[in-house]
Amino acid sequence: MRVLLRTIAAVASLAALGCNDDSPMSPSQSSDAIRIVFVGSTTRRSDLPASAQGCAAGVGVTHIHPSWRNFASIPLQAVPPDRYEISFTDVPVGSRVSFRINDQNSCDENATGAVTRNVFANDIRLVQNTTTPGNGDEPGYALTIGANGTISQ
C-alpha cells in the first residue's frame, strides 16, 4: 500500500510539473526563438523601372531562405502597410547561421531582389554581412543567437 501511495504521489507531482506554464519546456520559453522582421512596403512599388520587372515577377511573394533549413524558400507574413515578419523556433543556439530575404520591391537595388537593409532579428538591426547561395552568391545576413535570445553579428 505504501508503494502504491508513493507511486501515485510521484505521478501527481510529474503531472503538475508538466502543466506548469513556467516550465522551461514551454514553447514560449524556447531559447532558440528568433523573430525576423523586414521593414518594407507590402504592396508592389509602381515606380520599379522596366529593367526590374522580370526580377519582380521572378521573386514572387517576399520570402526568406534560412541556412538551418537548407536555404528553402519560406514566405514571410505581410503586416501591412510596411512590414514582413516570421518567427523560427529551430535556430541552432551558439552556431553561426545565415539567411537571405528576397523582395520584389528590391529588384532595382539588386538584380535578384535580395534585401540589403531594414532587416531586424529579435529587434536588433542587422547589417548585410555575408553571401548566400541562390542565383550565384546573393547578399544575406549572418548571426549567432545566444541561449537567452541575444543576437550577435
C-alpha atoms as a PDB file:
ATOM      1  CA  MET A   1       0.000   0.000   0.000  1.00  0.00           C
ATOM      2  CA  ARG A   2       2.836   2.358   0.914  1.00  0.00           C
ATOM      3  CA  VAL A   3       4.477   1.741  -2.506  1.00  0.00           C
ATOM      4  CA  LEU A   4       1.172   2.434  -4.252  1.00  0.00           C
ATOM      5  CA  LEU A   5       0.765   5.762  -2.412  1.00  0.00           C
ATOM      6  CA  ARG A   6       4.343   6.794  -3.300  1.00  0.00           C
ATOM      7  CA  THR A   7       3.730   5.904  -6.937  1.00  0.00           C
ATOM      8  CA  ILE A   8       0.504   7.945  -7.011  1.00  0.00           C
ATOM      9  CA  ALA A   9       2.280  10.888  -5.359  1.00  0.00           C
ATOM     10  CA  ALA A  10       5.138  10.707  -7.872  1.00  0.00           C
ATOM     11  CA  VAL A  11       2.770  10.580 -10.849  1.00  0.00           C
ATOM     12  CA  ALA A  12       0.739  13.508  -9.478  1.00  0.00           C
ATOM     13  CA  SER A  13       3.920  15.552  -8.998  1.00  0.00           C
ATOM     14  CA  LEU A  14       5.065  14.887 -12.546  1.00  0.00           C
ATOM     15  CA  ALA A  15       1.640  15.737 -13.949  1.00  0.00           C
ATOM     16  CA  ALA A  16       1.587  19.026 -12.034  1.00  0.00           C
ATOM     17  CA  LEU A  17       5.095  19.857 -13.230  1.00  0.00           C
ATOM     18  CA  GLY A  18       4.095  19.194 -16.845  1.00  0.00           C
ATOM     19  CA  CYS A  19       1.201  21.653 -16.568  1.00  0.00           C
ATOM     20  CA  ASN A  20       3.326  24.461 -15.128  1.00  0.00           C
ATOM     21  CA  ASP A  21       3.379  27.409 -17.573  1.00  0.00           C
ATOM     22  CA  ASP A  22       6.789  28.443 -16.233  1.00  0.00           C
ATOM     23  CA  SER A  23       8.345  25.132 -17.238  1.00  0.00           C
ATOM     24  CA  PRO A  24      11.497  25.554 -19.363  1.00  0.00           C
ATOM     25  CA  MET A  25       9.913  23.211 -21.911  1.00  0.00           C
ATOM     26  CA  SER A  26       7.081  25.677 -22.618  1.00  0.00           C
ATOM     27  CA  PRO A  27       7.216  26.773 -26.314  1.00  0.00           C
ATOM     28  CA  SER A  28       7.044  30.450 -25.326  1.00  0.00           C
ATOM     29  CA  GLN A  29      10.238  29.989 -23.308  1.00  0.00           C
ATOM     30  CA  SER A  30      12.229  28.482 -26.182  1.00  0.00           C
ATOM     31  CA  SER A  31      15.787  29.774 -26.002  1.00  0.00           C
ATOM     32  CA  ASP A  32      16.354  29.407 -29.731  1.00  0.00           C
ATOM     33  CA  ALA A  33      13.400  31.538 -30.859  1.00  0.00           C
ATOM     34  CA  ILE A  34      14.158  34.245 -33.366  1.00  0.00           C
ATOM     35  CA  ARG A  35      11.841  36.808 -34.927  1.00  0.00           C
ATOM     36  CA  ILE A  36      12.966  38.219 -38.270  1.00  0.00           C
ATOM     37  CA  VAL A  37      11.411  41.490 -39.444  1.00  0.00           C
ATOM     38  CA  PHE A  38      11.899  43.180 -42.792  1.00  0.00           C
ATOM     39  CA  VAL A  39      10.645  46.765 -42.930  1.00  0.00           C
ATOM     40  CA  GLY A  40       9.402  47.362 -46.461  1.00  0.00           C
ATOM     41  CA  SER A  41       6.186  48.080 -48.311  1.00  0.00           C
ATOM     42  CA  THR A  42       3.817  45.128 -48.543  1.00  0.00           C
ATOM     43  CA  THR A  43       2.440  46.360 -51.864  1.00  0.00           C
ATOM     44  CA  ARG A  44       4.368  46.283 -55.119  1.00  0.00           C
ATOM     45  CA  ARG A  45       6.001  49.589 -55.965  1.00  0.00           C
ATOM     46  CA  SER A  46       4.559  51.311 -59.012  1.00  0.00           C
ATOM     47  CA  ASP A  47       7.856  53.085 -59.742  1.00  0.00           C
ATOM     48  CA  LEU A  48      10.003  49.994 -60.395  1.00  0.00           C
ATOM     49  CA  PRO A  49      11.891  50.529 -63.655  1.00  0.00           C
ATOM     50  CA  ALA A  50      11.141  48.315 -66.630  1.00  0.00           C
ATOM     51  CA  SER A  51      14.546  46.669 -66.151  1.00  0.00           C
ATOM     52  CA  ALA A  52      13.403  45.358 -62.729  1.00  0.00           C
ATOM     53  CA  GLN A  53      10.070  43.875 -63.872  1.00  0.00           C
ATOM     54  CA  GLY A  54      11.481  40.419 -64.738  1.00  0.00           C
ATOM     55  CA  CYS A  55      13.164  40.191 -61.350  1.00  0.00           C
ATOM     56  CA  ALA A  56       9.982  41.282 -59.542  1.00  0.00           C
ATOM     57  CA  ALA A  57       7.951  38.628 -61.347  1.00  0.00           C
ATOM     58  CA  GLY A  58      10.594  36.003 -60.528  1.00  0.00           C
ATOM     59  CA  VAL A  59      10.763  36.885 -56.818  1.00  0.00           C
ATOM     60  CA  GLY A  60       7.022  36.492 -56.298  1.00  0.00           C
ATOM     61  CA  VAL A  61       5.981  36.832 -52.664  1.00  0.00           C
ATOM     62  CA  THR A  62       8.522  38.240 -50.236  1.00  0.00           C
ATOM     63  CA  HIS A  63      10.356  35.294 -48.714  1.00  0.00           C
ATOM     64  CA  ILE A  64      13.339  34.138 -46.668  1.00  0.00           C
ATOM     65  CA  HIS A  65      15.993  31.462 -47.316  1.00  0.00           C
ATOM     66  CA  PRO A  66      17.417  30.310 -43.920  1.00  0.00           C
ATOM     67  CA  SER A  67      20.614  28.230 -43.816  1.00  0.00           C
ATOM     68  CA  TRP A  68      19.351  25.997 -40.986  1.00  0.00           C
ATOM     69  CA  ARG A  69      16.604  24.850 -43.349  1.00  0.00           C
ATOM     70  CA  ASN A  70      18.937  24.281 -46.310  1.00  0.00           C
ATOM     71  CA  PHE A  71      18.062  27.693 -47.777  1.00  0.00           C
ATOM     72  CA  ALA A  72      14.498  26.575 -48.609  1.00  0.00           C
ATOM     73  CA  SER A  73      12.154  29.389 -49.667  1.00  0.00           C
ATOM     74  CA  ILE A  74       9.663  30.302 -46.918  1.00  0.00           C
ATOM     75  CA  PRO A  75       7.107  33.123 -47.380  1.00  0.00           C
ATOM     76  CA  LEU A  76       7.209  35.979 -44.897  1.00  0.00           C
ATOM     77  CA  GLN A  77       3.980  37.132 -43.244  1.00  0.00           C
ATOM     78  CA  ALA A  78       2.927  40.551 -44.524  1.00  0.00           C
ATOM     79  CA  VAL A  79       1.940  43.056 -41.838  1.00  0.00           C
ATOM     80  CA  PRO A  80       0.551  45.936 -43.933  1.00  0.00           C
ATOM     81  CA  PRO A  81       1.454  48.540 -44.820  1.00  0.00           C
ATOM     82  CA  ASP A  82       5.201  48.350 -44.248  1.00  0.00           C
ATOM     83  CA  ARG A  83       6.468  45.186 -42.581  1.00  0.00           C
ATOM     84  CA  TYR A  84       7.058  41.472 -43.103  1.00  0.00           C
ATOM     85  CA  GLU A  85       7.922  39.042 -40.338  1.00  0.00           C
ATOM     86  CA  ILE A  86       8.469  35.430 -39.422  1.00  0.00           C
ATOM     87  CA  SER A  87       9.435  33.572 -36.258  1.00  0.00           C
ATOM     88  CA  PHE A  88      11.511  30.417 -36.023  1.00  0.00           C
ATOM     89  CA  THR A  89      11.961  28.111 -33.043  1.00  0.00           C
ATOM     90  CA  ASP A  90      14.508  25.784 -34.618  1.00  0.00           C
ATOM     91  CA  VAL A  91      17.565  28.019 -34.952  1.00  0.00           C
ATOM     92  CA  PRO A  92      20.703  26.314 -33.607  1.00  0.00           C
ATOM     93  CA  VAL A  93      21.884  28.137 -30.479  1.00  0.00           C
ATOM     94  CA  GLY A  94      25.522  29.224 -30.445  1.00  0.00           C
ATOM     95  CA  SER A  95      26.100  28.437 -34.127  1.00  0.00           C
ATOM     96  CA  ARG A  96      26.575  30.999 -36.863  1.00  0.00           C
ATOM     97  CA  VAL A  97      23.604  30.844 -39.242  1.00  0.00           C
ATOM     98  CA  SER A  98      22.706  32.881 -42.285  1.00  0.00           C
ATOM     99  CA  PHE A  99      19.688  33.810 -44.352  1.00  0.00           C
ATOM    100  CA  ARG A 100      18.583  35.904 -47.282  1.00  0.00           C
ATOM    101  CA  ILE A 101      15.344  37.794 -47.859  1.00  0.00           C
ATOM    102  CA  ASN A 102      14.087  38.393 -51.400  1.00  0.00           C
ATOM    103  CA  ASP A 103      11.523  41.122 -52.067  1.00  0.00           C
ATOM    104  CA  GLN A 104      10.225  42.256 -55.438  1.00  0.00           C
ATOM    105  CA  ASN A 105      10.475  45.914 -54.381  1.00  0.00           C
ATOM    106  CA  SER A 106      14.249  45.495 -54.010  1.00  0.00           C
ATOM    107  CA  CYS A 107      14.764  44.467 -57.639  1.00  0.00           C
ATOM    108  CA  ASP A 108      16.025  47.918 -58.627  1.00  0.00           C
ATOM    109  CA  GLU A 109      18.741  47.680 -55.956  1.00  0.00           C
ATOM    110  CA  ASN A 110      19.725  44.053 -56.532  1.00  0.00           C
ATOM    111  CA  ALA A 111      19.139  42.004 -59.686  1.00  0.00           C
ATOM    112  CA  THR A 112      17.725  39.089 -57.647  1.00  0.00           C
ATOM    113  CA  GLY A 113      15.621  41.140 -55.241  1.00  0.00           C
ATOM    114  CA  ALA A 114      17.924  40.268 -52.318  1.00  0.00           C
ATOM    115  CA  VAL A 115      17.309  42.729 -49.479  1.00  0.00           C
ATOM    116  CA  THR A 116      20.355  44.571 -48.133  1.00  0.00           C
ATOM    117  CA  ARG A 117      18.823  46.813 -45.430  1.00  0.00           C
ATOM    118  CA  ASN A 118      15.934  47.272 -42.983  1.00  0.00           C
ATOM    119  CA  VAL A 119      16.210  43.754 -41.529  1.00  0.00           C
ATOM    120  CA  PHE A 120      15.964  43.001 -37.794  1.00  0.00           C
ATOM    121  CA  ALA A 121      16.443  39.873 -35.679  1.00  0.00           C
ATOM    122  CA  ASN A 122      14.868  39.976 -32.209  1.00  0.00           C
ATOM    123  CA  ASP A 123      14.663  43.777 -32.601  1.00  0.00           C
ATOM    124  CA  ILE A 124      18.384  44.131 -33.456  1.00  0.00           C
ATOM    125  CA  ARG A 125      19.098  45.905 -36.756  1.00  0.00           C
ATOM    126  CA  LEU A 126      21.242  43.650 -38.924  1.00  0.00           C
ATOM    127  CA  VAL A 127      23.870  44.664 -41.441  1.00  0.00           C
ATOM    128  CA  GLN A 128      24.275  42.786 -44.699  1.00  0.00           C
ATOM    129  CA  ASN A 129      27.400  40.802 -43.857  1.00  0.00           C
ATOM    130  CA  THR A 130      27.525  37.582 -45.888  1.00  0.00           C
ATOM    131  CA  THR A 131      26.544  35.985 -49.157  1.00  0.00           C
ATOM    132  CA  THR A 132      24.112  33.114 -49.551  1.00  0.00           C
ATOM    133  CA  PRO A 133      23.563  30.614 -52.361  1.00  0.00           C
ATOM    134  CA  GLY A 134      20.898  31.493 -54.902  1.00  0.00           C
ATOM    135  CA  ASN A 135      21.304  32.793 -58.425  1.00  0.00           C
ATOM    136  CA  GLY A 136      25.034  32.933 -57.786  1.00  0.00           C
ATOM    137  CA  ASP A 137      26.117  34.447 -54.485  1.00  0.00           C
ATOM    138  CA  GLU A 138      23.400  36.744 -53.148  1.00  0.00           C
ATOM    139  CA  PRO A 139      23.657  39.270 -50.295  1.00  0.00           C
ATOM    140  CA  GLY A 140      22.456  37.990 -46.946  1.00  0.00           C
ATOM    141  CA  TYR A 141      22.799  38.171 -43.192  1.00  0.00           C
ATOM    142  CA  ALA A 142      24.760  36.060 -40.718  1.00  0.00           C
ATOM    143  CA  LEU A 143      24.257  35.942 -36.971  1.00  0.00           C
ATOM    144  CA  THR A 144      24.541  33.830 -33.859  1.00  0.00           C
ATOM    145  CA  ILE A 145      21.710  33.507 -31.364  1.00  0.00           C
ATOM    146  CA  GLY A 146      22.594  33.013 -27.709  1.00  0.00           C
ATOM    147  CA  ALA A 147      20.693  30.797 -25.271  1.00  0.00           C
ATOM    148  CA  ASN A 148      18.968  33.894 -23.883  1.00  0.00           C
ATOM    149  CA  GLY A 149      17.880  35.106 -27.345  1.00  0.00           C
ATOM    150  CA  THR A 150      20.645  37.682 -27.776  1.00  0.00           C
ATOM    151  CA  ILE A 151      21.846  38.278 -31.316  1.00  0.00           C
ATOM    152  CA  SER A 152      25.457  38.819 -32.347  1.00  0.00           C
ATOM    153  CA  GLN A 153      26.593  39.534 -35.891  1.00  0.00           C
END
